[in-house]
Amino acid sequence: MAQAMLKNSRLTLLFETGLNEKGEPIFKGKSYANVRKEATADQLHQAATALGGLCAYPLSSVERTDNQDII
């Protein structure tokens, strides 16, 4: 049976930086590598909220990307 081993994790914060000529929102992202593998969703949300508060643009969403080795 195959198993998935968590290799690394990345946290991406998406900010709404304005509107384009059609009135649609423009997003820019900032990624942070080497996120602790054991970090819970609540912990990541708290960190993202704190980091988002330091930025000039409003925080739109937070994403976690996990890379896994399948063995």
Protein backbone atom coordinates (compact mmCIF):
# COMPACT_ATOMS: atom_id res chain seq x y z
CA MET A 1 0.00 0.00 0.00
CA ALA A 2 1.33 3.46 -0.91
CA GLN A 3 2.03 6.07 1.73
CA ALA A 4 2.35 9.84 1.57
CA MET A 5 5.22 11.45 3.49
CA LEU A 6 4.94 15.22 4.00
CA LYS A 7 8.08 16.75 2.49
CA ASN A 8 7.55 20.51 2.95
CA SER A 9 4.87 23.12 3.35
CA ARG A 10 4.41 26.70 2.08
CA LEU A 11 2.08 29.48 3.25
CA THR A 12 0.78 31.99 0.69
CA LEU A 13 -0.99 35.23 1.59
CA LEU A 14 -3.07 36.86 -1.16
CA PHE A 15 -3.65 40.60 -1.02
CA GLU A 16 -6.16 42.66 -3.00
CA THR A 17 -4.08 45.50 -4.43
CA GLY A 18 -6.71 47.32 -6.48
CA LEU A 19 -9.01 47.02 -9.48
CA ASN A 20 -8.26 46.65 -13.17
CA GLU A 21 -9.96 48.62 -15.94
CA LYS A 22 -12.91 46.17 -15.93
CA GLY A 23 -13.47 46.66 -12.21
CA GLU A 24 -12.16 43.22 -11.30
CA PRO A 25 -9.89 42.86 -8.27
CA ILE A 26 -6.12 42.50 -8.72
CA PHE A 27 -4.39 40.07 -6.36
CA LYS A 28 -0.74 39.77 -5.40
CA GLY A 29 0.70 36.99 -3.30
CA LYS A 30 3.51 36.64 -0.81
CA SER A 31 4.78 33.14 -0.06
CA TYR A 32 6.63 31.86 2.97
CA ALA A 33 8.56 28.59 2.71
CA ASN A 34 9.66 26.21 5.45
CA VAL A 35 6.38 26.27 7.35
CA ARG A 36 6.41 23.81 10.22
CA LYS A 37 4.84 20.55 9.17
CA GLU A 38 3.07 20.25 12.52
CA ALA A 39 1.43 23.70 12.27
CA THR A 40 -2.35 23.60 12.60
CA ALA A 41 -4.80 25.60 10.52
CA ASP A 42 -5.52 27.86 13.54
CA GLN A 43 -1.83 28.57 14.05
CA LEU A 44 -1.34 29.40 10.38
CA HIS A 45 -4.40 31.64 10.39
CA GLN A 46 -3.07 33.56 13.41
CA ALA A 47 0.33 34.00 11.75
CA ALA A 48 -1.24 35.10 8.45
CA THR A 49 -3.48 37.61 10.22
CA ALA A 50 -0.49 39.06 12.07
CA LEU A 51 1.59 39.30 8.89
CA GLY A 52 -1.35 40.70 6.93
CA GLY A 53 -1.74 43.46 9.50
CA LEU A 54 1.75 44.68 8.65
CA CYS A 55 0.95 45.14 4.96
CA ALA A 56 -0.58 48.13 3.20
CA TYR A 57 -3.17 46.05 1.31
CA PRO A 58 -6.08 44.06 2.76
CA LEU A 59 -5.55 40.31 3.18
CA SER A 60 -7.90 38.45 0.84
CA SER A 61 -7.07 34.80 1.46
CA VAL A 62 -4.54 32.39 2.92
CA GLU A 63 -3.38 29.17 1.26
CA ARG A 64 -1.27 26.28 2.50
CA THR A 65 0.51 24.14 -0.06
CA ASP A 66 1.92 20.77 1.05
CA ASN A 67 4.37 18.72 -1.02
CA GLN A 68 4.43 15.02 -0.34
CA ASP A 69 6.55 12.08 -1.41
CA ILE A 70 4.51 9.05 -2.38
CA ILE A 71 6.27 5.83 -1.49
